[in-house]
PDB file of N, CA and C in Angstrom:
ATOM      1  N   MET A   1      -2.841  21.201  -8.773  1.00  0.00           N
ATOM      2  CA  MET A   1      -1.966  20.054  -8.978  1.00  0.00           C
ATOM      3  C   MET A   1      -2.441  19.319 -10.236  1.00  0.00           C
ATOM      4  N   ARG A   2      -1.589  19.267 -11.232  1.00  0.00           N
ATOM      5  CA  ARG A   2      -1.896  18.576 -12.477  1.00  0.00           C
ATOM      6  C   ARG A   2      -1.415  17.132 -12.362  1.00  0.00           C
ATOM      7  N   ILE A   3      -2.299  16.182 -12.629  1.00  0.00           N
ATOM      8  CA  ILE A   3      -1.947  14.768 -12.510  1.00  0.00           C
ATOM      9  C   ILE A   3      -2.125  14.096 -13.865  1.00  0.00           C
ATOM     10  N   LYS A   4      -1.077  13.392 -14.287  1.00  0.00           N
ATOM     11  CA  LYS A   4      -1.143  12.616 -15.532  1.00  0.00           C
ATOM     12  C   LYS A   4      -0.913  11.150 -15.169  1.00  0.00           C
ATOM     13  N   TYR A   5      -1.961  10.331 -15.355  1.00  0.00           N
ATOM     14  CA  TYR A   5      -1.910   8.901 -15.040  1.00  0.00           C
ATOM     15  C   TYR A   5      -1.712   8.137 -16.335  1.00  0.00           C
ATOM     16  N   ASN A   6      -0.763   7.212 -16.346  1.00  0.00           N
ATOM     17  CA  ASN A   6      -0.525   6.402 -17.537  1.00  0.00           C
ATOM     18  C   ASN A   6      -0.206   4.962 -17.116  1.00  0.00           C
ATOM     19  N   TYR A   7      -0.941   4.022 -17.689  1.00  0.00           N
ATOM     20  CA  TYR A   7      -0.647   2.610 -17.463  1.00  0.00           C
ATOM     21  C   TYR A   7       0.069   2.071 -18.690  1.00  0.00           C
ATOM     22  N   GLU A   8       1.272   1.543 -18.486  1.00  0.00           N
ATOM     23  CA  GLU A   8       2.072   0.979 -19.571  1.00  0.00           C
ATOM     24  C   GLU A   8       1.878  -0.528 -19.566  1.00  0.00           C
ATOM     25  N   LEU A   9       1.069  -1.009 -20.504  1.00  0.00           N
ATOM     26  CA  LEU A   9       0.662  -2.413 -20.554  1.00  0.00           C
ATOM     27  C   LEU A   9       1.856  -3.360 -20.679  1.00  0.00           C
ATOM     28  N   ASP A  10       2.773  -3.082 -21.602  1.00  0.00           N
ATOM     29  CA  ASP A  10       3.911  -3.984 -21.826  1.00  0.00           C
ATOM     30  C   ASP A  10       4.775  -4.140 -20.583  1.00  0.00           C
ATOM     31  N   ALA A  11       4.940  -3.077 -19.839  1.00  0.00           N
ATOM     32  CA  ALA A  11       5.783  -3.115 -18.641  1.00  0.00           C
ATOM     33  C   ALA A  11       4.978  -3.434 -17.378  1.00  0.00           C
ATOM     34  N   ASP A  12       3.642  -3.436 -17.477  1.00  0.00           N
ATOM     35  CA  ASP A  12       2.747  -3.568 -16.325  1.00  0.00           C
ATOM     36  C   ASP A  12       3.170  -2.576 -15.240  1.00  0.00           C
ATOM     37  N   ALA A  13       3.251  -1.312 -15.643  1.00  0.00           N
ATOM     38  CA  ALA A  13       3.683  -0.253 -14.737  1.00  0.00           C
ATOM     39  C   ALA A  13       2.744   0.944 -14.848  1.00  0.00           C
ATOM     40  N   VAL A  14       2.490   1.552 -13.712  1.00  0.00           N
ATOM     41  CA  VAL A  14       1.730   2.801 -13.670  1.00  0.00           C
ATOM     42  C   VAL A  14       2.732   3.924 -13.429  1.00  0.00           C
ATOM     43  N   VAL A  15       2.626   4.970 -14.247  1.00  0.00           N
ATOM     44  CA  VAL A  15       3.447   6.157 -14.076  1.00  0.00           C
ATOM     45  C   VAL A  15       2.502   7.330 -13.845  1.00  0.00           C
ATOM     46  N   ILE A  16       2.701   8.016 -12.722  1.00  0.00           N
ATOM     47  CA  ILE A  16       1.877   9.171 -12.385  1.00  0.00           C
ATOM     48  C   ILE A  16       2.791  10.387 -12.319  1.00  0.00           C
ATOM     49  N   GLU A  17       2.525  11.337 -13.200  1.00  0.00           N
ATOM     50  CA  GLU A  17       3.271  12.594 -13.185  1.00  0.00           C
ATOM     51  C   GLU A  17       2.416  13.622 -12.472  1.00  0.00           C
ATOM     52  N   ILE A  18       2.979  14.244 -11.436  1.00  0.00           N
ATOM     53  CA  ILE A  18       2.230  15.210 -10.653  1.00  0.00           C
ATOM     54  C   ILE A  18       2.666  16.629 -10.972  1.00  0.00           C
ATOM     55  N   ASP A  19       3.928  16.801 -11.256  1.00  0.00           N
ATOM     56  CA  ASP A  19       4.469  18.129 -11.509  1.00  0.00           C
ATOM     57  C   ASP A  19       5.579  17.985 -12.531  1.00  0.00           C
ATOM     58  N   MET A  20       5.730  18.975 -13.380  1.00  0.00           N
ATOM     59  CA  MET A  20       6.784  18.935 -14.397  1.00  0.00           C
ATOM     60  C   MET A  20       8.158  19.242 -13.809  1.00  0.00           C
ATOM     61  N   GLN A  21       8.204  19.605 -12.536  1.00  0.00           N
ATOM     62  CA  GLN A  21       9.463  19.922 -11.874  1.00  0.00           C
ATOM     63  C   GLN A  21      10.358  18.680 -11.824  1.00  0.00           C
ATOM     64  N   LYS A  22      11.647  18.883 -11.925  1.00  0.00           N
ATOM     65  CA  LYS A  22      12.608  17.780 -11.889  1.00  0.00           C
ATOM     66  C   LYS A  22      12.726  17.243 -10.459  1.00  0.00           C
ATOM     67  N   SER A  23      12.755  15.922 -10.339  1.00  0.00           N
ATOM     68  CA  SER A  23      12.911  15.329  -9.007  1.00  0.00           C
ATOM     69  C   SER A  23      14.375  15.344  -8.600  1.00  0.00           C
ATOM     70  N   ASP A  24      14.594  15.444  -7.308  1.00  0.00           N
ATOM     71  CA  ASP A  24      15.946  15.402  -6.753  1.00  0.00           C
ATOM     72  C   ASP A  24      16.263  14.036  -6.138  1.00  0.00           C
ATOM     73  N   TYR A  25      15.213  13.342  -5.704  1.00  0.00           N
ATOM     74  CA  TYR A  25      15.381  12.052  -5.043  1.00  0.00           C
ATOM     75  C   TYR A  25      14.293  11.083  -5.487  1.00  0.00           C
ATOM     76  N   THR A  26      14.627   9.810  -5.478  1.00  0.00           N
ATOM     77  CA  THR A  26      13.639   8.758  -5.651  1.00  0.00           C
ATOM     78  C   THR A  26      13.624   7.946  -4.365  1.00  0.00           C
ATOM     79  N   ILE A  27      12.458   7.853  -3.764  1.00  0.00           N
ATOM     80  CA  ILE A  27      12.288   7.093  -2.529  1.00  0.00           C
ATOM     81  C   ILE A  27      11.645   5.761  -2.894  1.00  0.00           C
ATOM     82  N   GLU A  28      12.247   4.669  -2.432  1.00  0.00           N
ATOM     83  CA  GLU A  28      11.677   3.341  -2.658  1.00  0.00           C
ATOM     84  C   GLU A  28      10.731   3.054  -1.501  1.00  0.00           C
ATOM     85  N   LEU A  29       9.454   3.343  -1.731  1.00  0.00           N
ATOM     86  CA  LEU A  29       8.450   3.151  -0.690  1.00  0.00           C
ATOM     87  C   LEU A  29       8.302   1.663  -0.376  1.00  0.00           C
ATOM     88  N   THR A  30       8.213   0.859  -1.431  1.00  0.00           N
ATOM     89  CA  THR A  30       8.252  -0.604  -1.325  1.00  0.00           C
ATOM     90  C   THR A  30       9.102  -1.081  -2.498  1.00  0.00           C
ATOM     91  N   GLU A  31       9.243  -2.372  -2.630  1.00  0.00           N
ATOM     92  CA  GLU A  31      10.019  -2.936  -3.733  1.00  0.00           C
ATOM     93  C   GLU A  31       9.452  -2.516  -5.093  1.00  0.00           C
ATOM     94  N   HIS A  32       8.132  -2.268  -5.152  1.00  0.00           N
ATOM     95  CA  HIS A  32       7.479  -1.972  -6.421  1.00  0.00           C
ATOM     96  C   HIS A  32       6.931  -0.554  -6.536  1.00  0.00           C
ATOM     97  N   ILE A  33       7.026   0.247  -5.485  1.00  0.00           N
ATOM     98  CA  ILE A  33       6.480   1.608  -5.516  1.00  0.00           C
ATOM     99  C   ILE A  33       7.605   2.607  -5.290  1.00  0.00           C
ATOM    100  N   LEU A  34       7.864   3.408  -6.334  1.00  0.00           N
ATOM    101  CA  LEU A  34       8.923   4.415  -6.295  1.00  0.00           C
ATOM    102  C   LEU A  34       8.296   5.802  -6.340  1.00  0.00           C
ATOM    103  N   VAL A  35       8.800   6.690  -5.507  1.00  0.00           N
ATOM    104  CA  VAL A  35       8.239   8.025  -5.377  1.00  0.00           C
ATOM    105  C   VAL A  35       9.341   9.043  -5.671  1.00  0.00           C
ATOM    106  N   ASP A  36       9.065   9.954  -6.600  1.00  0.00           N
ATOM    107  CA  ASP A  36      10.017  11.008  -6.953  1.00  0.00           C
ATOM    108  C   ASP A  36       9.633  12.288  -6.233  1.00  0.00           C
ATOM    109  N   VAL A  37      10.608  12.894  -5.554  1.00  0.00           N
ATOM    110  CA  VAL A  37      10.361  14.116  -4.787  1.00  0.00           C
ATOM    111  C   VAL A  37      11.471  15.127  -5.048  1.00  0.00           C
ATOM    112  N   THR A  38      11.163  16.381  -4.732  1.00  0.00           N
ATOM    113  CA  THR A  38      12.169  17.445  -4.802  1.00  0.00           C
ATOM    114  C   THR A  38      12.923  17.496  -3.473  1.00  0.00           C
ATOM    115  N   SER A  39      13.923  18.331  -3.403  1.00  0.00           N
ATOM    116  CA  SER A  39      14.710  18.450  -2.170  1.00  0.00           C
ATOM    117  C   SER A  39      13.883  18.974  -1.005  1.00  0.00           C
ATOM    118  N   ASP A  40      12.804  19.706  -1.291  1.00  0.00           N
ATOM    119  CA  ASP A  40      11.927  20.173  -0.209  1.00  0.00           C
ATOM    120  C   ASP A  40      10.733  19.235  -0.006  1.00  0.00           C
ATOM    121  N   MET A  41      10.863  17.997  -0.487  1.00  0.00           N
ATOM    122  CA  MET A  41       9.905  16.904  -0.300  1.00  0.00           C
ATOM    123  C   MET A  41       8.550  17.149  -0.966  1.00  0.00           C
ATOM    124  N   LYS A  42       8.570  17.820  -2.105  1.00  0.00           N
ATOM    125  CA  LYS A  42       7.360  17.981  -2.904  1.00  0.00           C
ATOM    126  C   LYS A  42       7.262  16.777  -3.836  1.00  0.00           C
ATOM    127  N   LEU A  43       6.110  16.134  -3.843  1.00  0.00           N
ATOM    128  CA  LEU A  43       5.884  14.962  -4.679  1.00  0.00           C
ATOM    129  C   LEU A  43       5.760  15.378  -6.135  1.00  0.00           C
ATOM    130  N   VAL A  44       6.574  14.778  -7.012  1.00  0.00           N
ATOM    131  CA  VAL A  44       6.511  15.110  -8.438  1.00  0.00           C
ATOM    132  C   VAL A  44       6.172  13.902  -9.305  1.00  0.00           C
ATOM    133  N   GLY A  45       6.285  12.692  -8.775  1.00  0.00           N
ATOM    134  CA  GLY A  45       5.967  11.519  -9.574  1.00  0.00           C
ATOM    135  C   GLY A  45       5.920  10.240  -8.756  1.00  0.00           C
ATOM    136  N   ILE A  46       5.181   9.272  -9.288  1.00  0.00           N
ATOM    137  CA  ILE A  46       5.064   7.956  -8.666  1.00  0.00           C
ATOM    138  C   ILE A  46       5.159   6.921  -9.777  1.00  0.00           C
ATOM    139  N   GLU A  47       5.905   5.852  -9.522  1.00  0.00           N
ATOM    140  CA  GLU A  47       5.948   4.733 -10.461  1.00  0.00           C
ATOM    141  C   GLU A  47       5.617   3.471  -9.678  1.00  0.00           C
ATOM    142  N   ILE A  48       4.657   2.711 -10.194  1.00  0.00           N
ATOM    143  CA  ILE A  48       4.266   1.453  -9.562  1.00  0.00           C
ATOM    144  C   ILE A  48       4.593   0.335 -10.533  1.00  0.00           C
ATOM    145  N   LEU A  49       5.567  -0.481 -10.161  1.00  0.00           N
ATOM    146  CA  LEU A  49       5.983  -1.619 -10.974  1.00  0.00           C
ATOM    147  C   LEU A  49       5.126  -2.826 -10.603  1.00  0.00           C
ATOM    148  N   ASP A  50       4.969  -3.767 -11.547  1.00  0.00           N
ATOM    149  CA  ASP A  50       4.107  -4.929 -11.312  1.00  0.00           C
ATOM    150  C   ASP A  50       2.740  -4.423 -10.843  1.00  0.00           C
ATOM    151  N   ALA A  51       2.252  -3.403 -11.565  1.00  0.00           N
ATOM    152  CA  ALA A  51       1.106  -2.605 -11.127  1.00  0.00           C
ATOM    153  C   ALA A  51      -0.184  -3.407 -10.974  1.00  0.00           C
ATOM    154  N   SER A  52      -0.444  -4.354 -11.861  1.00  0.00           N
ATOM    155  CA  SER A  52      -1.696  -5.105 -11.729  1.00  0.00           C
ATOM    156  C   SER A  52      -1.721  -5.889 -10.418  1.00  0.00           C
ATOM    157  N   VAL A  53      -0.593  -6.373  -9.968  1.00  0.00           N
ATOM    158  CA  VAL A  53      -0.515  -7.088  -8.685  1.00  0.00           C
ATOM    159  C   VAL A  53      -0.618  -6.097  -7.526  1.00  0.00           C
ATOM    160  N   GLU A  54       0.139  -5.004  -7.593  1.00  0.00           N
ATOM    161  CA  GLU A  54       0.153  -4.026  -6.500  1.00  0.00           C
ATOM    162  C   GLU A  54      -1.206  -3.358  -6.318  1.00  0.00           C
ATOM    163  N   LEU A  55      -1.861  -2.979  -7.405  1.00  0.00           N
ATOM    164  CA  LEU A  55      -3.166  -2.340  -7.277  1.00  0.00           C
ATOM    165  C   LEU A  55      -4.252  -3.353  -6.903  1.00  0.00           C
ATOM    166  N   SER A  56      -4.066  -4.607  -7.283  1.00  0.00           N
ATOM    167  CA  SER A  56      -4.993  -5.648  -6.822  1.00  0.00           C
ATOM    168  C   SER A  56      -4.930  -5.768  -5.302  1.00  0.00           C
ATOM    169  N   LYS A  57      -3.739  -5.630  -4.731  1.00  0.00           N
ATOM    170  CA  LYS A  57      -3.601  -5.643  -3.265  1.00  0.00           C
ATOM    171  C   LYS A  57      -4.344  -4.464  -2.648  1.00  0.00           C
ATOM    172  N   LEU A  58      -4.210  -3.274  -3.258  1.00  0.00           N
ATOM    173  CA  LEU A  58      -4.881  -2.089  -2.716  1.00  0.00           C
ATOM    174  C   LEU A  58      -6.406  -2.211  -2.799  1.00  0.00           C
ATOM    175  N   PHE A  59      -6.910  -2.746  -3.913  1.00  0.00           N
ATOM    176  CA  PHE A  59      -8.345  -2.900  -4.089  1.00  0.00           C
ATOM    177  C   PHE A  59      -8.883  -4.140  -3.375  1.00  0.00           C
ATOM    178  N   ASN A  60      -7.987  -4.995  -2.947  1.00  0.00           N
ATOM    179  CA  ASN A  60      -8.362  -6.238  -2.263  1.00  0.00           C
ATOM    180  C   ASN A  60      -9.176  -7.163  -3.172  1.00  0.00           C
ATOM    181  N   ARG A  61      -8.834  -7.131  -4.458  1.00  0.00           N
ATOM    182  CA  ARG A  61      -9.457  -7.997  -5.465  1.00  0.00           C
ATOM    183  C   ARG A  61      -8.595  -7.922  -6.721  1.00  0.00           C
ATOM    184  N   ALA A  62      -8.822  -8.822  -7.641  1.00  0.00           N
ATOM    185  CA  ALA A  62      -8.069  -8.809  -8.894  1.00  0.00           C
ATOM    186  C   ALA A  62      -8.469  -7.608  -9.743  1.00  0.00           C
ATOM    187  N   VAL A  63      -7.478  -6.881 -10.226  1.00  0.00           N
ATOM    188  CA  VAL A  63      -7.693  -5.752 -11.132  1.00  0.00           C
ATOM    189  C   VAL A  63      -7.087  -6.150 -12.475  1.00  0.00           C
ATOM    190  N   SER A  64      -7.923  -6.218 -13.493  1.00  0.00           N
ATOM    191  CA  SER A  64      -7.429  -6.632 -14.811  1.00  0.00           C
ATOM    192  C   SER A  64      -6.574  -5.538 -15.433  1.00  0.00           C
ATOM    193  N   LYS A  65      -5.737  -5.941 -16.371  1.00  0.00           N
ATOM    194  CA  LYS A  65      -4.895  -4.968 -17.066  1.00  0.00           C
ATOM    195  C   LYS A  65      -5.749  -4.002 -17.889  1.00  0.00           C
ATOM    196  N   ASP A  66      -6.887  -4.470 -18.379  1.00  0.00           N
ATOM    197  CA  ASP A  66      -7.794  -3.589 -19.110  1.00  0.00           C
ATOM    198  C   ASP A  66      -8.372  -2.520 -18.171  1.00  0.00           C
ATOM    199  N   GLU A  67      -8.740  -2.937 -16.974  1.00  0.00           N
ATOM    200  CA  GLU A  67      -9.274  -1.990 -15.988  1.00  0.00           C
ATOM    201  C   GLU A  67      -8.208  -0.992 -15.543  1.00  0.00           C
ATOM    202  N   MET A  68      -6.946  -1.443 -15.496  1.00  0.00           N
ATOM    203  CA  MET A  68      -5.830  -0.575 -15.086  1.00  0.00           C
ATOM    204  C   MET A  68      -5.748   0.672 -15.961  1.00  0.00           C
ATOM    205  N   LYS A  69      -6.055   0.521 -17.247  1.00  0.00           N
ATOM    206  CA  LYS A  69      -5.988   1.646 -18.182  1.00  0.00           C
ATOM    207  C   LYS A  69      -7.020   2.717 -17.862  1.00  0.00           C
ATOM    208  N   GLN A  70      -8.114   2.317 -17.231  1.00  0.00           N
ATOM    209  CA  GLN A  70      -9.236   3.222 -17.005  1.00  0.00           C
ATOM    210  C   GLN A  70      -9.299   3.805 -15.598  1.00  0.00           C
ATOM    211  N   LEU A  71      -8.375   3.426 -14.739  1.00  0.00           N
ATOM    212  CA  LEU A  71      -8.402   3.944 -13.374  1.00  0.00           C
ATOM    213  C   LEU A  71      -8.213   5.457 -13.374  1.00  0.00           C
ATOM    214  N   LEU A  72      -8.875   6.109 -12.447  1.00  0.00           N
ATOM    215  CA  LEU A  72      -8.710   7.539 -12.237  1.00  0.00           C
ATOM    216  C   LEU A  72      -7.848   7.723 -10.991  1.00  0.00           C
ATOM    217  N   CYS A  73      -7.133   8.824 -10.941  1.00  0.00           N
ATOM    218  CA  CYS A  73      -6.209   9.039  -9.833  1.00  0.00           C
ATOM    219  C   CYS A  73      -6.373  10.459  -9.294  1.00  0.00           C
ATOM    220  N   LYS A  74      -6.495  10.555  -7.976  1.00  0.00           N
ATOM    221  CA  LYS A  74      -6.533  11.845  -7.283  1.00  0.00           C
ATOM    222  C   LYS A  74      -5.463  11.821  -6.198  1.00  0.00           C
ATOM    223  N   ILE A  75      -4.883  12.981  -5.940  1.00  0.00           N
ATOM    224  CA  ILE A  75      -3.854  13.070  -4.901  1.00  0.00           C
ATOM    225  C   ILE A  75      -4.188  14.233  -3.983  1.00  0.00           C
ATOM    226  N   LYS A  76      -4.166  13.953  -2.693  1.00  0.00           N
ATOM    227  CA  LYS A  76      -4.434  14.980  -1.694  1.00  0.00           C
ATOM    228  C   LYS A  76      -3.208  15.129  -0.808  1.00  0.00           C
ATOM    229  N   GLN A  77      -2.739  16.357  -0.680  1.00  0.00           N
ATOM    230  CA  GLN A  77      -1.566  16.610   0.157  1.00  0.00           C
ATOM    231  C   GLN A  77      -2.002  16.871   1.590  1.00  0.00           C
ATOM    232  N   GLU A  78      -1.381  16.162   2.503  1.00  0.00           N
ATOM    233  CA  GLU A  78      -1.579  16.342   3.933  1.00  0.00           C
ATOM    234  C   GLU A  78      -0.225  16.732   4.524  1.00  0.00           C
ATOM    235  N   PRO A  79      -0.198  17.205   5.760  1.00  0.00           N
ATOM    236  CA  PRO A  79       1.112  17.492   6.358  1.00  0.00           C
ATOM    237  C   PRO A  79       1.969  16.219   6.411  1.00  0.00           C
ATOM    238  N   ASN A  80       3.121  16.257   5.801  1.00  0.00           N
ATOM    239  CA  ASN A  80       4.101  15.163   5.813  1.00  0.00           C
ATOM    240  C   ASN A  80       3.660  13.884   5.113  1.00  0.00           C
ATOM    241  N   GLU A  81       2.602  13.939   4.326  1.00  0.00           N
ATOM    242  CA  GLU A  81       2.191  12.752   3.585  1.00  0.00           C
ATOM    243  C   GLU A  81       1.271  13.147   2.433  1.00  0.00           C
ATOM    244  N   TYR A  82       1.132  12.213   1.509  1.00  0.00           N
ATOM    245  CA  TYR A  82       0.207  12.366   0.387  1.00  0.00           C
ATOM    246  C   TYR A  82      -0.724  11.172   0.391  1.00  0.00           C
ATOM    247  N   LEU A  83      -1.987  11.424   0.090  1.00  0.00           N
ATOM    248  CA  LEU A  83      -2.963  10.360  -0.050  1.00  0.00           C
ATOM    249  C   LEU A  83      -3.276  10.230  -1.535  1.00  0.00           C
ATOM    250  N   VAL A  84      -2.981   9.065  -2.095  1.00  0.00           N
ATOM    251  CA  VAL A  84      -3.247   8.800  -3.503  1.00  0.00           C
ATOM    252  C   VAL A  84      -4.473   7.900  -3.556  1.00  0.00           C
ATOM    253  N   GLN A  85      -5.503   8.358  -4.270  1.00  0.00           N
ATOM    254  CA  GLN A  85      -6.734   7.587  -4.374  1.00  0.00           C
ATOM    255  C   GLN A  85      -6.935   7.138  -5.817  1.00  0.00           C
ATOM    256  N   PHE A  86      -7.067   5.841  -5.998  1.00  0.00           N
ATOM    257  CA  PHE A  86      -7.352   5.251  -7.300  1.00  0.00           C
ATOM    258  C   PHE A  86      -8.839   4.925  -7.335  1.00  0.00           C
ATOM    259  N   GLN A  87      -9.515   5.336  -8.401  1.00  0.00           N
ATOM    260  CA  GLN A  87     -10.938   5.047  -8.545  1.00  0.00           C
ATOM    261  C   GLN A  87     -11.153   4.206  -9.793  1.00  0.00           C
ATOM    262  N   SER A  88     -11.987   3.181  -9.647  1.00  0.00           N
ATOM    263  CA  SER A  88     -12.339   2.316 -10.759  1.00  0.00           C
ATOM    264  C   SER A  88     -13.729   2.681 -11.253  1.00  0.00           C
ATOM    265  N   PRO A  89     -13.824   3.303 -12.432  1.00  0.00           N
ATOM    266  CA  PRO A  89     -15.146   3.639 -12.959  1.00  0.00           C
ATOM    267  C   PRO A  89     -15.974   2.391 -13.274  1.00  0.00           C
ATOM    268  N   LYS A  90     -15.304   1.292 -13.609  1.00  0.00           N
ATOM    269  CA  LYS A  90     -16.015   0.046 -13.927  1.00  0.00           C
ATOM    270  C   LYS A  90     -16.728  -0.524 -12.703  1.00  0.00           C
ATOM    271  N   LYS A  91     -16.063  -0.501 -11.574  1.00  0.00           N
ATOM    272  CA  LYS A  91     -16.591  -1.138 -10.364  1.00  0.00           C
ATOM    273  C   LYS A  91     -17.147  -0.122  -9.362  1.00  0.00           C
ATOM    274  N   ASN A  92     -16.997   1.166  -9.650  1.00  0.00           N
ATOM    275  CA  ASN A  92     -17.459   2.234  -8.760  1.00  0.00           C
ATOM    276  C   ASN A  92     -16.918   2.050  -7.337  1.00  0.00           C
ATOM    277  N   GLU A  93     -15.613   1.889  -7.244  1.00  0.00           N
ATOM    278  CA  GLU A  93     -14.964   1.743  -5.942  1.00  0.00           C
ATOM    279  C   GLU A  93     -13.601   2.403  -5.991  1.00  0.00           C
ATOM    280  N   SER A  94     -13.016   2.587  -4.825  1.00  0.00           N
ATOM    281  CA  SER A  94     -11.710   3.237  -4.778  1.00  0.00           C
ATOM    282  C   SER A  94     -10.776   2.502  -3.821  1.00  0.00           C
ATOM    283  N   ALA A  95      -9.487   2.784  -3.988  1.00  0.00           N
ATOM    284  CA  ALA A  95      -8.449   2.232  -3.120  1.00  0.00           C
ATOM    285  C   ALA A  95      -7.453   3.344  -2.839  1.00  0.00           C
ATOM    286  N   ASN A  96      -6.876   3.332  -1.654  1.00  0.00           N
ATOM    287  CA  ASN A  96      -5.971   4.401  -1.243  1.00  0.00           C
ATOM    288  C   ASN A  96      -4.558   3.903  -1.014  1.00  0.00           C
ATOM    289  N   LEU A  97      -3.625   4.780  -1.332  1.00  0.00           N
ATOM    290  CA  LEU A  97      -2.209   4.545  -1.074  1.00  0.00           C
ATOM    291  C   LEU A  97      -1.700   5.754  -0.312  1.00  0.00           C
ATOM    292  N   LEU A  98      -1.175   5.540   0.885  1.00  0.00           N
ATOM    293  CA  LEU A  98      -0.642   6.621   1.699  1.00  0.00           C
ATOM    294  C   LEU A  98       0.866   6.680   1.501  1.00  0.00           C
ATOM    295  N   ILE A  99       1.356   7.857   1.156  1.00  0.00           N
ATOM    296  CA  ILE A  99       2.790   8.044   0.946  1.00  0.00           C
ATOM    297  C   ILE A  99       3.312   8.993   2.016  1.00  0.00           C
ATOM    298  N   PRO A 100       3.952   8.462   3.056  1.00  0.00           N
ATOM    299  CA  PRO A 100       4.511   9.335   4.086  1.00  0.00           C
ATOM    300  C   PRO A 100       5.807   9.963   3.581  1.00  0.00           C
ATOM    301  N   LEU A 101       5.981  11.231   3.842  1.00  0.00           N
ATOM    302  CA  LEU A 101       7.197  11.930   3.430  1.00  0.00           C
ATOM    303  C   LEU A 101       7.741  12.703   4.630  1.00  0.00           C
ATOM    304  N   TYR A 102       9.016  12.625   4.818  1.00  0.00           N
ATOM    305  CA  TYR A 102       9.669  13.428   5.839  1.00  0.00           C
ATOM    306  C   TYR A 102      11.066  13.740   5.337  1.00  0.00           C
ATOM    307  N   ARG A 103      11.600  14.782   5.855  1.00  0.00           N
ATOM    308  CA  ARG A 103      12.950  15.175   5.473  1.00  0.00           C
ATOM    309  C   ARG A 103      13.925  14.540   6.454  1.00  0.00           C
ATOM    310  N   SER A 104      14.795  13.709   5.936  1.00  0.00           N
ATOM    311  CA  SER A 104      15.779  13.041   6.768  1.00  0.00           C
ATOM    312  C   SER A 104      16.779  14.058   7.322  1.00  0.00           C
ATOM    313  N   PRO A 105      17.164  13.906   8.580  1.00  0.00           N
ATOM    314  CA  PRO A 105      18.187  14.811   9.124  1.00  0.00           C
ATOM    315  C   PRO A 105      19.545  14.606   8.435  1.00  0.00           C
ATOM    316  N   LEU A 106      19.693  13.517   7.673  1.00  0.00           N
ATOM    317  CA  LEU A 106      20.941  13.252   6.966  1.00  0.00           C
ATOM    318  C   LEU A 106      21.034  14.010   5.660  1.00  0.00           C
ATOM    319  N   ILE A 107      19.892  14.549   5.172  1.00  0.00           N
ATOM    320  CA  ILE A 107      19.906  15.320   3.930  1.00  0.00           C
ATOM    321  C   ILE A 107      20.152  16.778   4.267  1.00  0.00           C
ATOM    322  N   SER A 108      21.173  17.333   3.642  1.00  0.00           N
ATOM    323  CA  SER A 108      21.470  18.750   3.936  1.00  0.00           C
ATOM    324  C   SER A 108      20.994  19.638   2.805  1.00  0.00           C
TER     325      SER A 108
END
């Protein structure tokens, strides 16, 4: 799994590209966390808007915009969910984001 993490300072947004495959759906996990998936629910991208606020919630402390640029990101696939781990090299700590995925019976 190739992961490309990018923090866009002007937009205060984190964009994580997981796969070059085109997404079929965007799931609004929360108001600020958007998840791009294929029709077979393969995770291909994540966008976190208002990222300094959202990641501060995950770390349970203020995360500066400068620190946001240096965060490392790992993703582990579990059955029906993905675990996204953000690591701060500055503070030597990590925060997790769980992304549950399921195929809706309404999607054919």
